[in-house]
Structure formats: C-alpha cells, structure tokens
Amino acid sequence: LLAQARQVALGAIEHQDYPPALLAEHLKLTRDSSRP
C-alpha cells in the first residue's frame, strides 16, 4: 500500500496545477454545497 501511495502521489504532483473545480466537472461529481 505504501508503494502504491508513493506512485499515486508522484503522479498527482506531475498534475498538481490541474484545477480541482475542472477535475470535479470532468468526473461528473454531484455538487453539494454542504461539502467539498
């Protein structure tokens, strides 16, 4: 799990400038004003 987390974190760092709002939109997440 630790090795998996390292790879996930490194991959996320490569794309850390991607706007979270755009990511939520592309994932088609239901927006709920009561939570992030």
Full PDB file with SEQRES, HELIX, SHEET, SSBOND, CRYST1, ORIGX, SCALE, CONECT and MASTER records, all heavy atoms in Angstrom:
SEQRES   1 A   36  LEU LEU ALA GLN ALA ARG GLN VAL ALA LEU GLY ALA ILE          
SEQRES   2 A   36  GLU HIS GLN ASP TYR PRO PRO ALA LEU LEU ALA GLU HIS          
SEQRES   3 A   36  LEU LYS LEU THR ARG ASP SER SER ARG PRO                      
HELIX    1 AA1 LEU A    2  GLU A   14  1                                  13    
HELIX    2 AA2 PRO A   20  HIS A   26  1                                   7    
CRYST1    1.000    1.000    1.000  90.00  90.00  90.00 P 1           1          
ORIGX1      1.000000  0.000000  0.000000        0.00000                         
ORIGX2      0.000000  1.000000  0.000000        0.00000                         
ORIGX3      0.000000  0.000000  1.000000        0.00000                         
SCALE1      1.000000  0.000000  0.000000        0.00000                         
SCALE2      0.000000  1.000000  0.000000        0.00000                         
SCALE3      0.000000  0.000000  1.000000        0.00000                         
ATOM      1  N   LEU A   1       0.833  -1.200   0.000  1.00  0.00           N  
ATOM      2  CA  LEU A   1       0.000   0.000   0.000  1.00  0.00           C  
ATOM      3  C   LEU A   1       0.870   1.253   0.000  1.00  0.00           C  
ATOM      4  O   LEU A   1       0.560   2.249  -0.662  1.00  0.00           O  
ATOM      5  CB  LEU A   1      -0.922  -0.004   1.225  1.00  0.00           C  
ATOM      6  CG  LEU A   1      -1.870   1.185   1.363  1.00  0.00           C  
ATOM      7  CD1 LEU A   1      -2.855   1.229   0.197  1.00  0.00           C  
ATOM      8  CD2 LEU A   1      -2.620   1.145   2.682  1.00  0.00           C  
ATOM      9  N   LEU A   2       1.979   1.202   0.724  1.00  0.00           N  
ATOM     10  CA  LEU A   2       2.895   2.342   0.781  1.00  0.00           C  
ATOM     11  C   LEU A   2       3.493   2.610  -0.606  1.00  0.00           C  
ATOM     12  O   LEU A   2       3.576   3.761  -1.047  1.00  0.00           O  
ATOM     13  CB  LEU A   2       3.997   2.063   1.797  1.00  0.00           C  
ATOM     14  CG  LEU A   2       4.926   3.217   2.150  1.00  0.00           C  
ATOM     15  CD1 LEU A   2       4.152   4.345   2.807  1.00  0.00           C  
ATOM     16  CD2 LEU A   2       6.039   2.736   3.078  1.00  0.00           C  
ATOM     17  N   ALA A   3       3.892   1.549  -1.297  1.00  0.00           N  
ATOM     18  CA  ALA A   3       4.439   1.721  -2.651  1.00  0.00           C  
ATOM     19  C   ALA A   3       3.382   2.283  -3.593  1.00  0.00           C  
ATOM     20  O   ALA A   3       3.669   3.150  -4.438  1.00  0.00           O  
ATOM     21  CB  ALA A   3       4.960   0.372  -3.168  1.00  0.00           C  
ATOM     22  N   GLN A   4       2.148   1.793  -3.439  1.00  0.00           N  
ATOM     23  CA  GLN A   4       1.052   2.304  -4.266  1.00  0.00           C  
ATOM     24  C   GLN A   4       0.828   3.787  -3.997  1.00  0.00           C  
ATOM     25  O   GLN A   4       0.682   4.589  -4.929  1.00  0.00           O  
ATOM     26  CB  GLN A   4      -0.225   1.520  -3.963  1.00  0.00           C  
ATOM     27  CG  GLN A   4      -1.458   2.047  -4.678  1.00  0.00           C  
ATOM     28  CD  GLN A   4      -2.746   1.634  -3.978  1.00  0.00           C  
ATOM     29  OE1 GLN A   4      -3.624   2.453  -3.768  1.00  0.00           O  
ATOM     30  NE2 GLN A   4      -2.859   0.353  -3.609  1.00  0.00           N  
ATOM     31  N   ALA A   5       0.823   4.170  -2.702  1.00  0.00           N  
ATOM     32  CA  ALA A   5       0.594   5.574  -2.333  1.00  0.00           C  
ATOM     33  C   ALA A   5       1.692   6.470  -2.901  1.00  0.00           C  
ATOM     34  O   ALA A   5       1.427   7.604  -3.328  1.00  0.00           O  
ATOM     35  CB  ALA A   5       0.521   5.710  -0.816  1.00  0.00           C  
ATOM     36  N   ARG A   6       2.931   5.968  -2.930  1.00  0.00           N  
ATOM     37  CA  ARG A   6       4.041   6.756  -3.466  1.00  0.00           C  
ATOM     38  C   ARG A   6       3.834   7.042  -4.950  1.00  0.00           C  
ATOM     39  O   ARG A   6       4.024   8.173  -5.416  1.00  0.00           O  
ATOM     40  CB  ARG A   6       5.356   6.016  -3.242  1.00  0.00           C  
ATOM     41  CG  ARG A   6       6.585   6.765  -3.740  1.00  0.00           C  
ATOM     42  CD  ARG A   6       7.868   5.997  -3.410  1.00  0.00           C  
ATOM     43  NE  ARG A   6       9.052   6.784  -3.736  1.00  0.00           N  
ATOM     44  CZ  ARG A   6       9.618   6.803  -4.933  1.00  0.00           C  
ATOM     45  NH1 ARG A   6       9.108   6.070  -5.919  1.00  0.00           N  
ATOM     46  NH2 ARG A   6      10.679   7.542  -5.155  1.00  0.00           N  
ATOM     47  N   GLN A   7       3.425   6.009  -5.696  1.00  0.00           N  
ATOM     48  CA  GLN A   7       3.205   6.196  -7.125  1.00  0.00           C  
ATOM     49  C   GLN A   7       2.034   7.149  -7.392  1.00  0.00           C  
ATOM     50  O   GLN A   7       2.094   7.995  -8.290  1.00  0.00           O  
ATOM     51  CB  GLN A   7       2.934   4.839  -7.792  1.00  0.00           C  
ATOM     52  CG  GLN A   7       4.143   3.911  -7.812  1.00  0.00           C  
ATOM     53  CD  GLN A   7       5.339   4.541  -8.520  1.00  0.00           C  
ATOM     54  OE1 GLN A   7       5.208   5.138  -9.586  1.00  0.00           O  
ATOM     55  NE2 GLN A   7       6.511   4.420  -7.912  1.00  0.00           N  
ATOM     56  N   VAL A   8       0.986   7.012  -6.577  1.00  0.00           N  
ATOM     57  CA  VAL A   8      -0.166   7.897  -6.745  1.00  0.00           C  
ATOM     58  C   VAL A   8       0.238   9.342  -6.453  1.00  0.00           C  
ATOM     59  O   VAL A   8      -0.136  10.274  -7.176  1.00  0.00           O  
ATOM     60  CB  VAL A   8      -1.319   7.455  -5.816  1.00  0.00           C  
ATOM     61  CG1 VAL A   8      -2.433   8.505  -5.784  1.00  0.00           C  
ATOM     62  CG2 VAL A   8      -1.886   6.116  -6.273  1.00  0.00           C  
ATOM     63  N   ALA A   9       1.019   9.539  -5.374  1.00  0.00           N  
ATOM     64  CA  ALA A   9       1.436  10.894  -5.009  1.00  0.00           C  
ATOM     65  C   ALA A   9       2.336  11.505  -6.082  1.00  0.00           C  
ATOM     66  O   ALA A   9       2.191  12.680  -6.450  1.00  0.00           O  
ATOM     67  CB  ALA A   9       2.150  10.862  -3.659  1.00  0.00           C  
ATOM     68  N   LEU A  10       3.271  10.713  -6.615  1.00  0.00           N  
ATOM     69  CA  LEU A  10       4.155  11.228  -7.664  1.00  0.00           C  
ATOM     70  C   LEU A  10       3.352  11.596  -8.909  1.00  0.00           C  
ATOM     71  O   LEU A  10       3.618  12.624  -9.554  1.00  0.00           O  
ATOM     72  CB  LEU A  10       5.226  10.193  -8.006  1.00  0.00           C  
ATOM     73  CG  LEU A  10       6.285   9.936  -6.928  1.00  0.00           C  
ATOM     74  CD1 LEU A  10       7.211   8.793  -7.350  1.00  0.00           C  
ATOM     75  CD2 LEU A  10       7.094  11.210  -6.655  1.00  0.00           C  
ATOM     76  N   GLY A  11       2.386  10.764  -9.245  1.00  0.00           N  
ATOM     77  CA  GLY A  11       1.544  11.076 -10.396  1.00  0.00           C  
ATOM     78  C   GLY A  11       0.730  12.335 -10.180  1.00  0.00           C  
ATOM     79  O   GLY A  11       0.534  13.145 -11.095  1.00  0.00           O  
ATOM     80  N   ALA A  12       0.256  12.519  -8.942  1.00  0.00           N  
ATOM     81  CA  ALA A  12      -0.530  13.718  -8.645  1.00  0.00           C  
ATOM     82  C   ALA A  12       0.330  14.970  -8.701  1.00  0.00           C  
ATOM     83  O   ALA A  12      -0.120  16.030  -9.155  1.00  0.00           O  
ATOM     84  CB  ALA A  12      -1.180  13.579  -7.272  1.00  0.00           C  
ATOM     85  N   ILE A  13       1.584  14.857  -8.237  1.00  0.00           N  
ATOM     86  CA  ILE A  13       2.480  16.010  -8.262  1.00  0.00           C  
ATOM     87  C   ILE A  13       2.730  16.475  -9.699  1.00  0.00           C  
ATOM     88  O   ILE A  13       2.832  17.676  -9.975  1.00  0.00           O  
ATOM     89  CB  ILE A  13       3.805  15.666  -7.554  1.00  0.00           C  
ATOM     90  CG1 ILE A  13       3.569  15.532  -6.038  1.00  0.00           C  
ATOM     91  CG2 ILE A  13       4.864  16.719  -7.833  1.00  0.00           C  
ATOM     92  CD1 ILE A  13       4.766  15.016  -5.272  1.00  0.00           C  
ATOM     93  N   GLU A  14       2.797  15.519 -10.625  1.00  0.00           N  
ATOM     94  CA  GLU A  14       3.013  15.895 -12.029  1.00  0.00           C  
ATOM     95  C   GLU A  14       1.853  16.729 -12.570  1.00  0.00           C  
ATOM     96  O   GLU A  14       2.013  17.468 -13.535  1.00  0.00           O  
ATOM     97  CB  GLU A  14       3.179  14.633 -12.875  1.00  0.00           C  
ATOM     98  CG  GLU A  14       4.467  13.873 -12.596  1.00  0.00           C  
ATOM     99  CD  GLU A  14       4.593  12.632 -13.458  1.00  0.00           C  
ATOM    100  OE1 GLU A  14       3.708  12.434 -14.333  1.00  0.00           O  
ATOM    101  OE2 GLU A  14       5.554  11.865 -13.266  1.00  0.00           O  
ATOM    102  N   HIS A  15       0.678  16.589 -11.972  1.00  0.00           N  
ATOM    103  CA  HIS A  15      -0.513  17.290 -12.463  1.00  0.00           C  
ATOM    104  C   HIS A  15      -1.107  18.183 -11.379  1.00  0.00           C  
ATOM    105  O   HIS A  15      -2.306  18.431 -11.363  1.00  0.00           O  
ATOM    106  CB  HIS A  15      -1.569  16.282 -12.921  1.00  0.00           C  
ATOM    107  CG  HIS A  15      -1.081  15.315 -13.955  1.00  0.00           C  
ATOM    108  ND1 HIS A  15      -0.925  15.652 -15.285  1.00  0.00           N  
ATOM    109  CD2 HIS A  15      -0.674  14.023 -13.843  1.00  0.00           C  
ATOM    110  CE1 HIS A  15      -0.460  14.616 -15.951  1.00  0.00           C  
ATOM    111  NE2 HIS A  15      -0.291  13.615 -15.106  1.00  0.00           N  
ATOM    112  N   GLN A  16      -0.253  18.687 -10.474  1.00  0.00           N  
ATOM    113  CA  GLN A  16      -0.770  19.430  -9.330  1.00  0.00           C  
ATOM    114  C   GLN A  16      -1.368  20.779  -9.724  1.00  0.00           C  
ATOM    115  O   GLN A  16      -2.107  21.381  -8.934  1.00  0.00           O  
ATOM    116  CB  GLN A  16       0.346  19.652  -8.308  1.00  0.00           C  
ATOM    117  CG  GLN A  16       1.551  20.409  -8.843  1.00  0.00           C  
ATOM    118  CD  GLN A  16       2.652  20.527  -7.806  1.00  0.00           C  
ATOM    119  OE1 GLN A  16       2.408  20.982  -6.708  1.00  0.00           O  
ATOM    120  NE2 GLN A  16       3.855  20.074  -8.142  1.00  0.00           N  
ATOM    121  N   ASP A  17      -1.093  21.269 -10.932  1.00  0.00           N  
ATOM    122  CA  ASP A  17      -1.654  22.552 -11.349  1.00  0.00           C  
ATOM    123  C   ASP A  17      -3.034  22.406 -11.987  1.00  0.00           C  
ATOM    124  O   ASP A  17      -3.649  23.403 -12.378  1.00  0.00           O  
ATOM    125  CB  ASP A  17      -0.715  23.243 -12.348  1.00  0.00           C  
ATOM    126  CG  ASP A  17       0.605  23.620 -11.694  1.00  0.00           C  
ATOM    127  OD1 ASP A  17       0.578  23.919 -10.483  1.00  0.00           O  
ATOM    128  OD2 ASP A  17       1.643  23.596 -12.375  1.00  0.00           O  
ATOM    129  N   TYR A  18      -3.520  21.180 -12.095  1.00  0.00           N  
ATOM    130  CA  TYR A  18      -4.838  20.959 -12.697  1.00  0.00           C  
ATOM    131  C   TYR A  18      -5.904  21.508 -11.760  1.00  0.00           C  
ATOM    132  O   TYR A  18      -5.950  21.131 -10.584  1.00  0.00           O  
ATOM    133  CB  TYR A  18      -5.051  19.468 -12.930  1.00  0.00           C  
ATOM    134  CG  TYR A  18      -6.161  19.138 -13.900  1.00  0.00           C  
ATOM    135  CD1 TYR A  18      -5.914  19.045 -15.263  1.00  0.00           C  
ATOM    136  CD2 TYR A  18      -7.451  18.929 -13.439  1.00  0.00           C  
ATOM    137  CE1 TYR A  18      -6.932  18.744 -16.153  1.00  0.00           C  
ATOM    138  CE2 TYR A  18      -8.479  18.621 -14.318  1.00  0.00           C  
ATOM    139  CZ  TYR A  18      -8.212  18.535 -15.672  1.00  0.00           C  
ATOM    140  OH  TYR A  18      -9.212  18.246 -16.557  1.00  0.00           O  
ATOM    141  N   PRO A  19      -6.794  22.364 -12.189  1.00  0.00           N  
ATOM    142  CA  PRO A  19      -7.766  22.994 -11.288  1.00  0.00           C  
ATOM    143  C   PRO A  19      -8.729  21.957 -10.686  1.00  0.00           C  
ATOM    144  O   PRO A  19      -9.338  21.178 -11.429  1.00  0.00           O  
ATOM    145  CB  PRO A  19      -8.526  23.974 -12.199  1.00  0.00           C  
ATOM    146  CG  PRO A  19      -7.633  24.171 -13.379  1.00  0.00           C  
ATOM    147  CD  PRO A  19      -6.895  22.889 -13.567  1.00  0.00           C  
ATOM    148  N   PRO A  20      -8.882  21.921  -9.384  1.00  0.00           N  
ATOM    149  CA  PRO A  20      -9.800  20.961  -8.758  1.00  0.00           C  
ATOM    150  C   PRO A  20     -11.231  21.101  -9.255  1.00  0.00           C  
ATOM    151  O   PRO A  20     -11.930  20.099  -9.417  1.00  0.00           O  
ATOM    152  CB  PRO A  20      -9.693  21.304  -7.267  1.00  0.00           C  
ATOM    153  CG  PRO A  20      -8.340  21.921  -7.118  1.00  0.00           C  
ATOM    154  CD  PRO A  20      -8.112  22.683  -8.379  1.00  0.00           C  
ATOM    155  N   ALA A  21     -11.679  22.333  -9.496  1.00  0.00           N  
ATOM    156  CA  ALA A  21     -13.051  22.524  -9.975  1.00  0.00           C  
ATOM    157  C   ALA A  21     -13.250  21.854 -11.335  1.00  0.00           C  
ATOM    158  O   ALA A  21     -14.298  21.243 -11.600  1.00  0.00           O  
ATOM    159  CB  ALA A  21     -13.372  24.016 -10.060  1.00  0.00           C  
ATOM    160  N   LEU A  22     -12.224  21.947 -12.217  1.00  0.00           N  
ATOM    161  CA  LEU A  22     -12.320  21.323 -13.538  1.00  0.00           C  
ATOM    162  C   LEU A  22     -12.290  19.799 -13.413  1.00  0.00           C  
ATOM    163  O   LEU A  22     -12.977  19.089 -14.142  1.00  0.00           O  
ATOM    164  CB  LEU A  22     -11.174  21.812 -14.422  1.00  0.00           C  
ATOM    165  CG  LEU A  22     -11.225  21.405 -15.902  1.00  0.00           C  
ATOM    166  CD1 LEU A  22     -12.506  21.910 -16.551  1.00  0.00           C  
ATOM    167  CD2 LEU A  22     -10.005  21.926 -16.633  1.00  0.00           C  
ATOM    168  N   LEU A  23     -11.493  19.314 -12.465  1.00  0.00           N  
ATOM    169  CA  LEU A  23     -11.438  17.879 -12.228  1.00  0.00           C  
ATOM    170  C   LEU A  23     -12.798  17.355 -11.773  1.00  0.00           C  
ATOM    171  O   LEU A  23     -13.274  16.318 -12.257  1.00  0.00           O  
ATOM    172  CB  LEU A  23     -10.376  17.562 -11.167  1.00  0.00           C  
ATOM    173  CG  LEU A  23     -10.222  16.088 -10.783  1.00  0.00           C  
ATOM    174  CD1 LEU A  23      -9.838  15.248 -11.990  1.00  0.00           C  
ATOM    175  CD2 LEU A  23      -9.185  15.937  -9.670  1.00  0.00           C  
ATOM    176  N   ALA A  24     -13.439  18.060 -10.853  1.00  0.00           N  
ATOM    177  CA  ALA A  24     -14.766  17.662 -10.379  1.00  0.00           C  
ATOM    178  C   ALA A  24     -15.771  17.656 -11.520  1.00  0.00           C  
ATOM    179  O   ALA A  24     -16.628  16.775 -11.615  1.00  0.00           O  
ATOM    180  CB  ALA A  24     -15.224  18.598  -9.263  1.00  0.00           C  
ATOM    181  N   GLU A  25     -15.640  18.623 -12.418  1.00  0.00           N  
ATOM    182  CA  GLU A  25     -16.544  18.691 -13.566  1.00  0.00           C  
ATOM    183  C   GLU A  25     -16.334  17.521 -14.508  1.00  0.00           C  
ATOM    184  O   GLU A  25     -17.296  16.898 -14.986  1.00  0.00           O  
ATOM    185  CB  GLU A  25     -16.335  20.018 -14.298  1.00  0.00           C  
ATOM    186  CG  GLU A  25     -17.238  20.216 -15.506  1.00  0.00           C  
ATOM    187  CD  GLU A  25     -16.973  21.523 -16.211  1.00  0.00           C  
ATOM    188  OE1 GLU A  25     -16.485  22.464 -15.547  1.00  0.00           O  
ATOM    189  OE2 GLU A  25     -17.239  21.610 -17.431  1.00  0.00           O  
ATOM    190  N   HIS A  26     -15.066  17.179 -14.797  1.00  0.00           N  
ATOM    191  CA  HIS A  26     -14.772  16.072 -15.702  1.00  0.00           C  
ATOM    192  C   HIS A  26     -15.187  14.736 -15.099  1.00  0.00           C  
ATOM    193  O   HIS A  26     -15.536  13.805 -15.824  1.00  0.00           O  
ATOM    194  CB  HIS A  26     -13.283  16.070 -16.038  1.00  0.00           C  
ATOM    195  CG  HIS A  26     -12.907  17.108 -17.043  1.00  0.00           C  
ATOM    196  ND1 HIS A  26     -11.637  17.251 -17.557  1.00  0.00           N  
ATOM    197  CD2 HIS A  26     -13.654  18.076 -17.651  1.00  0.00           C  
ATOM    198  CE1 HIS A  26     -11.615  18.242 -18.435  1.00  0.00           C  
ATOM    199  NE2 HIS A  26     -12.820  18.773 -18.489  1.00  0.00           N  
ATOM    200  N   LEU A  27     -15.113  14.620 -13.764  1.00  0.00           N  
ATOM    201  CA  LEU A  27     -15.531  13.384 -13.103  1.00  0.00           C  
ATOM    202  C   LEU A  27     -17.043  13.296 -12.948  1.00  0.00           C  
ATOM    203  O   LEU A  27     -17.561  12.302 -12.446  1.00  0.00           O  
ATOM    204  CB  LEU A  27     -14.874  13.276 -11.722  1.00  0.00           C  
ATOM    205  CG  LEU A  27     -13.353  13.077 -11.718  1.00  0.00           C  
ATOM    206  CD1 LEU A  27     -12.820  13.115 -10.293  1.00  0.00           C  
ATOM    207  CD2 LEU A  27     -12.977  11.766 -12.390  1.00  0.00           C  
ATOM    208  N   LYS A  28     -17.738  14.373 -13.350  1.00  0.00           N  
ATOM    209  CA  LYS A  28     -19.201  14.436 -13.263  1.00  0.00           C  
ATOM    210  C   LYS A  28     -19.681  14.184 -11.832  1.00  0.00           C  
ATOM    211  O   LYS A  28     -20.616  13.422 -11.592  1.00  0.00           O  
ATOM    212  CB  LYS A  28     -19.841  13.444 -14.235  1.00  0.00           C  
ATOM    213  CG  LYS A  28     -19.593  13.772 -15.703  1.00  0.00           C  
ATOM    214  CD  LYS A  28     -20.275  12.773 -16.617  1.00  0.00           C  
ATOM    215  CE  LYS A  28     -20.182  13.210 -18.075  1.00  0.00           C  
ATOM    216  NZ  LYS A  28     -18.815  13.410 -18.538  1.00  0.00           N  
ATOM    217  N   LEU A  29     -18.996  14.823 -10.879  1.00  0.00           N  
ATOM    218  CA  LEU A  29     -19.381  14.690  -9.483  1.00  0.00           C  
ATOM    219  C   LEU A  29     -20.583  15.578  -9.182  1.00  0.00           C  
ATOM    220  O   LEU A  29     -20.667  16.719  -9.637  1.00  0.00           O  
ATOM    221  CB  LEU A  29     -18.213  15.085  -8.569  1.00  0.00           C  
ATOM    222  CG  LEU A  29     -16.939  14.248  -8.709  1.00  0.00           C  
ATOM    223  CD1 LEU A  29     -15.863  14.773  -7.773  1.00  0.00           C  
ATOM    224  CD2 LEU A  29     -17.228  12.784  -8.392  1.00  0.00           C  
ATOM    225  N   THR A  30     -21.513  15.044  -8.400  1.00  0.00           N  
ATOM    226  CA  THR A  30     -22.674  15.824  -7.997  1.00  0.00           C  
ATOM    227  C   THR A  30     -22.243  16.893  -7.003  1.00  0.00           C  
ATOM    228  O   THR A  30     -21.631  16.585  -5.974  1.00  0.00           O  
ATOM    229  CB  THR A  30     -23.736  14.913  -7.350  1.00  0.00           C  
ATOM    230  OG1 THR A  30     -24.109  13.894  -8.281  1.00  0.00           O  
ATOM    231  CG2 THR A  30     -24.963  15.716  -6.964  1.00  0.00           C  
ATOM    232  N   ARG A  31     -22.511  18.126  -7.328  1.00  0.00           N  
ATOM    233  CA  ARG A  31     -22.092  19.213  -6.459  1.00  0.00           C  
ATOM    234  C   ARG A  31     -23.048  19.342  -5.284  1.00  0.00           C  
ATOM    235  O   ARG A  31     -24.266  19.383  -5.437  1.00  0.00           O  
ATOM    236  CB  ARG A  31     -22.042  20.533  -7.225  1.00  0.00           C  
ATOM    237  CG  ARG A  31     -21.029  20.564  -8.344  1.00  0.00           C  
ATOM    238  CD  ARG A  31     -19.629  20.196  -7.880  1.00  0.00           C  
ATOM    239  NE  ARG A  31     -19.123  21.113  -6.873  1.00  0.00           N  
ATOM    240  CZ  ARG A  31     -18.389  22.189  -7.155  1.00  0.00           C  
ATOM    241  NH1 ARG A  31     -18.068  22.455  -8.406  1.00  0.00           N  
ATOM    242  NH2 ARG A  31     -17.958  22.962  -6.198  1.00  0.00           N  
ATOM    243  N   ASP A  32     -22.510  19.360  -4.087  1.00  0.00           N  
ATOM    244  CA  ASP A  32     -23.256  19.524  -2.851  1.00  0.00           C  
ATOM    245  C   ASP A  32     -22.614  20.687  -2.106  1.00  0.00           C  
ATOM    246  O   ASP A  32     -21.449  20.618  -1.714  1.00  0.00           O  
ATOM    247  CB  ASP A  32     -23.192  18.238  -2.016  1.00  0.00           C  
ATOM    248  CG  ASP A  32     -24.027  18.316  -0.747  1.00  0.00           C  
ATOM    249  OD1 ASP A  32     -24.419  19.431  -0.369  1.00  0.00           O  
ATOM    250  OD2 ASP A  32     -24.272  17.275  -0.125  1.00  0.00           O  
ATOM    251  N   SER A  33     -23.380  21.749  -1.931  1.00  0.00           N  
ATOM    252  CA  SER A  33     -22.817  22.959  -1.330  1.00  0.00           C  
ATOM    253  C   SER A  33     -22.403  22.759   0.124  1.00  0.00           C  
ATOM    254  O   SER A  33     -21.684  23.589   0.686  1.00  0.00           O  
ATOM    255  CB  SER A  33     -23.833  24.101  -1.410  1.00  0.00           C  
ATOM    256  OG  SER A  33     -25.038  23.751  -0.741  1.00  0.00           O  
ATOM    257  N   SER A  34     -22.835  21.655   0.740  1.00  0.00           N  
ATOM    258  CA  SER A  34     -22.516  21.433   2.144  1.00  0.00           C  
ATOM    259  C   SER A  34     -21.184  20.728   2.352  1.00  0.00           C  
ATOM    260  O   SER A  34     -20.766  20.535   3.492  1.00  0.00           O  
ATOM    261  CB  SER A  34     -23.625  20.595   2.811  1.00  0.00           C  
ATOM    262  OG  SER A  34     -23.659  19.281   2.266  1.00  0.00           O  
ATOM    263  N   ARG A  35     -20.524  20.325   1.246  1.00  0.00           N  
ATOM    264  CA  ARG A  35     -19.256  19.613   1.399  1.00  0.00           C  
ATOM    265  C   ARG A  35     -18.338  19.905   0.211  1.00  0.00           C  
ATOM    266  O   ARG A  35     -18.811  20.263  -0.863  1.00  0.00           O  
ATOM    267  CB  ARG A  35     -19.491  18.106   1.505  1.00  0.00           C  
ATOM    268  CG  ARG A  35     -20.115  17.488   0.264  1.00  0.00           C  
ATOM    269  CD  ARG A  35     -20.330  15.994   0.437  1.00  0.00           C  
ATOM    270  NE  ARG A  35     -21.275  15.720   1.503  1.00  0.00           N  
ATOM    271  CZ  ARG A  35     -21.557  14.493   1.936  1.00  0.00           C  
ATOM    272  NH1 ARG A  35     -20.953  13.459   1.381  1.00  0.00           N  
ATOM    273  NH2 ARG A  35     -22.440  14.316   2.889  1.00  0.00           N  
ATOM    274  N   PRO A  36     -17.019  19.735   0.421  1.00  0.00           N  
ATOM    275  CA  PRO A  36     -16.092  19.920  -0.707  1.00  0.00           C  
ATOM    276  C   PRO A  36     -16.373  18.891  -1.798  1.00  0.00           C  
ATOM    277  O   PRO A  36     -16.810  17.778  -1.515  1.00  0.00           O  
ATOM    278  CB  PRO A  36     -14.715  19.702  -0.068  1.00  0.00           C  
ATOM    279  CG  PRO A  36     -14.929  19.897   1.401  1.00  0.00           C  
ATOM    280  CD  PRO A  36     -16.319  19.441   1.677  1.00  0.00           C  
TER     281      PRO A  36                                                      
MASTER        0    0    0    2    0    0    0    6  280    1    0    3          
END                                                                             
